[in-house]
Amino acid sequence: MTIRPNIPSVDDFYIEAAVRHLAAARNHLQCAVLSFDDAGYEHDPTARSYSYLAGIVAEFSGRAWRPVPPPEPSHIESAAVEWRRSAKRSY
């Protein structure tokens, strides 16, 4: 019987290292966003960068990447539905 160890490939090591670096960058960006908030500033590019990196790290961790909520009906759609109901029309 031959026992073969389950050794990951070199590419897997590089990917895992890259994800660890992205996780560290995410943490530093979160600190920067909080520091801007504490100082009373809003720096949108830093906040967007943090959000994007958090999504990438979540995807590699097997979690959902930025779940998209269902869109709420606009006021025009709501008015059209109300008009159809009051006019007793259906499509």
C-alpha atoms as a PDB file:
ATOM      1  CA  MET A   1       0.000   0.000   0.000  1.00  0.00           C
ATOM      2  CA  THR A   2       1.377   3.370  -1.030  1.00  0.00           C
ATOM      3  CA  ILE A   3       0.487   6.459   0.950  1.00  0.00           C
ATOM      4  CA  ARG A   4       0.529   9.622  -1.084  1.00  0.00           C
ATOM      5  CA  PRO A   5       0.295  12.897   0.791  1.00  0.00           C
ATOM      6  CA  ASN A   6      -2.257  15.429  -0.320  1.00  0.00           C
ATOM      7  CA  ILE A   7       0.112  18.295  -1.103  1.00  0.00           C
ATOM      8  CA  PRO A   8      -1.433  21.346  -2.744  1.00  0.00           C
ATOM      9  CA  SER A   9       0.121  22.613  -5.935  1.00  0.00           C
ATOM     10  CA  VAL A  10       2.326  25.682  -6.085  1.00  0.00           C
ATOM     11  CA  ASP A  11      -0.487  27.564  -7.829  1.00  0.00           C
ATOM     12  CA  ASP A  12      -2.761  26.889  -4.844  1.00  0.00           C
ATOM     13  CA  PHE A  13      -0.133  28.346  -2.537  1.00  0.00           C
ATOM     14  CA  TYR A  14       0.080  31.486  -4.679  1.00  0.00           C
ATOM     15  CA  ILE A  15      -3.705  31.885  -4.726  1.00  0.00           C
ATOM     16  CA  GLU A  16      -3.957  31.416  -0.964  1.00  0.00           C
ATOM     17  CA  ALA A  17      -1.175  33.956  -0.425  1.00  0.00           C
ATOM     18  CA  ALA A  18      -2.916  36.429  -2.738  1.00  0.00           C
ATOM     19  CA  VAL A  19      -6.195  36.010  -0.832  1.00  0.00           C
ATOM     20  CA  ARG A  20      -4.369  36.585   2.480  1.00  0.00           C
ATOM     21  CA  HIS A  21      -2.842  39.787   1.068  1.00  0.00           C
ATOM     22  CA  LEU A  22      -6.272  40.910  -0.157  1.00  0.00           C
ATOM     23  CA  ALA A  23      -7.745  40.222   3.279  1.00  0.00           C
ATOM     24  CA  ALA A  24      -5.005  42.340   4.872  1.00  0.00           C
ATOM     25  CA  ALA A  25      -5.643  45.120   2.337  1.00  0.00           C
ATOM     26  CA  ARG A  26      -9.372  44.935   3.123  1.00  0.00           C
ATOM     27  CA  ASN A  27      -8.652  45.368   6.834  1.00  0.00           C
ATOM     28  CA  HIS A  28      -6.372  48.355   6.189  1.00  0.00           C
ATOM     29  CA  LEU A  29      -8.959  49.965   3.915  1.00  0.00           C
ATOM     30  CA  GLN A  30     -11.625  49.462   6.561  1.00  0.00           C
ATOM     31  CA  CYS A  31      -9.379  51.238   9.089  1.00  0.00           C
ATOM     32  CA  ALA A  32      -8.875  54.069   6.589  1.00  0.00           C
ATOM     33  CA  VAL A  33     -12.621  54.409   6.001  1.00  0.00           C
ATOM     34  CA  LEU A  34     -13.261  54.527   9.754  1.00  0.00           C
ATOM     35  CA  SER A  35     -10.478  57.092  10.220  1.00  0.00           C
ATOM     36  CA  PHE A  36     -12.009  59.295   7.528  1.00  0.00           C
ATOM     37  CA  ASP A  37     -15.394  58.939   9.228  1.00  0.00           C
ATOM     38  CA  ASP A  38     -13.935  59.863  12.609  1.00  0.00           C
ATOM     39  CA  ALA A  39     -12.351  62.968  11.088  1.00  0.00           C
ATOM     40  CA  GLY A  40     -15.685  63.964   9.547  1.00  0.00           C
ATOM     41  CA  TYR A  41     -14.745  63.238   5.928  1.00  0.00           C
ATOM     42  CA  GLU A  42     -16.312  60.952   3.397  1.00  0.00           C
ATOM     43  CA  HIS A  43     -13.871  59.492   0.877  1.00  0.00           C
ATOM     44  CA  ASP A  44     -15.942  57.507  -1.602  1.00  0.00           C
ATOM     45  CA  PRO A  45     -13.064  55.867  -3.560  1.00  0.00           C
ATOM     46  CA  THR A  46     -11.687  54.351  -0.336  1.00  0.00           C
ATOM     47  CA  ALA A  47     -15.128  53.082   0.682  1.00  0.00           C
ATOM     48  CA  ARG A  48     -15.724  51.596  -2.779  1.00  0.00           C
ATOM     49  CA  SER A  49     -12.284  49.951  -2.770  1.00  0.00           C
ATOM     50  CA  TYR A  50     -13.016  48.405   0.618  1.00  0.00           C
ATOM     51  CA  SER A  51     -16.388  47.139  -0.612  1.00  0.00           C
ATOM     52  CA  TYR A  52     -14.857  45.624  -3.742  1.00  0.00           C
ATOM     53  CA  LEU A  53     -12.063  43.879  -1.838  1.00  0.00           C
ATOM     54  CA  ALA A  54     -14.527  42.582   0.752  1.00  0.00           C
ATOM     55  CA  GLY A  55     -16.536  41.047  -2.099  1.00  0.00           C
ATOM     56  CA  ILE A  56     -13.471  39.326  -3.579  1.00  0.00           C
ATOM     57  CA  VAL A  57     -12.419  37.902  -0.215  1.00  0.00           C
ATOM     58  CA  ALA A  58     -15.996  36.721   0.424  1.00  0.00           C
ATOM     59  CA  GLU A  59     -16.083  34.972  -2.942  1.00  0.00           C
ATOM     60  CA  PHE A  60     -12.865  33.080  -2.213  1.00  0.00           C
ATOM     61  CA  SER A  61     -14.237  32.172   1.232  1.00  0.00           C
ATOM     62  CA  GLY A  62     -17.301  30.593  -0.363  1.00  0.00           C
ATOM     63  CA  ARG A  63     -19.788  33.265   0.702  1.00  0.00           C
ATOM     64  CA  ALA A  64     -22.155  35.219  -1.498  1.00  0.00           C
ATOM     65  CA  TRP A  65     -20.512  38.130  -3.252  1.00  0.00           C
ATOM     66  CA  ARG A  66     -22.611  41.278  -2.863  1.00  0.00           C
ATOM     67  CA  PRO A  67     -26.130  39.884  -2.756  1.00  0.00           C
ATOM     68  CA  VAL A  68     -28.344  42.095  -4.878  1.00  0.00           C
ATOM     69  CA  PRO A  69     -31.672  42.975  -3.253  1.00  0.00           C
ATOM     70  CA  PRO A  70     -34.715  42.815  -5.495  1.00  0.00           C
ATOM     71  CA  PRO A  71     -35.500  46.208  -7.008  1.00  0.00           C
ATOM     72  CA  GLU A  72     -38.351  48.133  -5.490  1.00  0.00           C
ATOM     73  CA  PRO A  73     -41.052  49.217  -7.917  1.00  0.00           C
ATOM     74  CA  SER A  74     -40.694  52.795  -9.031  1.00  0.00           C
ATOM     75  CA  HIS A  75     -43.441  55.353  -8.554  1.00  0.00           C
ATOM     76  CA  ILE A  76     -44.346  55.023 -12.246  1.00  0.00           C
ATOM     77  CA  GLU A  77     -44.842  51.269 -11.926  1.00  0.00           C
ATOM     78  CA  SER A  78     -46.910  51.750  -8.780  1.00  0.00           C
ATOM     79  CA  ALA A  79     -49.073  54.362 -10.521  1.00  0.00           C
ATOM     80  CA  ALA A  80     -49.580  52.068 -13.523  1.00  0.00           C
ATOM     81  CA  VAL A  81     -50.663  49.195 -11.278  1.00  0.00           C
ATOM     82  CA  GLU A  82     -53.064  51.497  -9.422  1.00  0.00           C
ATOM     83  CA  TRP A  83     -54.494  52.844 -12.688  1.00  0.00           C
ATOM     84  CA  ARG A  84     -55.053  49.302 -14.025  1.00  0.00           C
ATOM     85  CA  ARG A  85     -56.813  48.372 -10.800  1.00  0.00           C
ATOM     86  CA  SER A  86     -59.039  51.477 -10.823  1.00  0.00           C
ATOM     87  CA  ALA A  87     -59.823  51.094 -14.546  1.00  0.00           C
ATOM     88  CA  LYS A  88     -60.549  47.392 -13.986  1.00  0.00           C
ATOM     89  CA  ARG A  89     -58.002  46.360 -16.603  1.00  0.00           C
ATOM     90  CA  SER A  90     -55.572  43.513 -16.455  1.00  0.00           C
ATOM     91  CA  TYR A  91     -52.802  42.520 -18.775  1.00  0.00           C
END
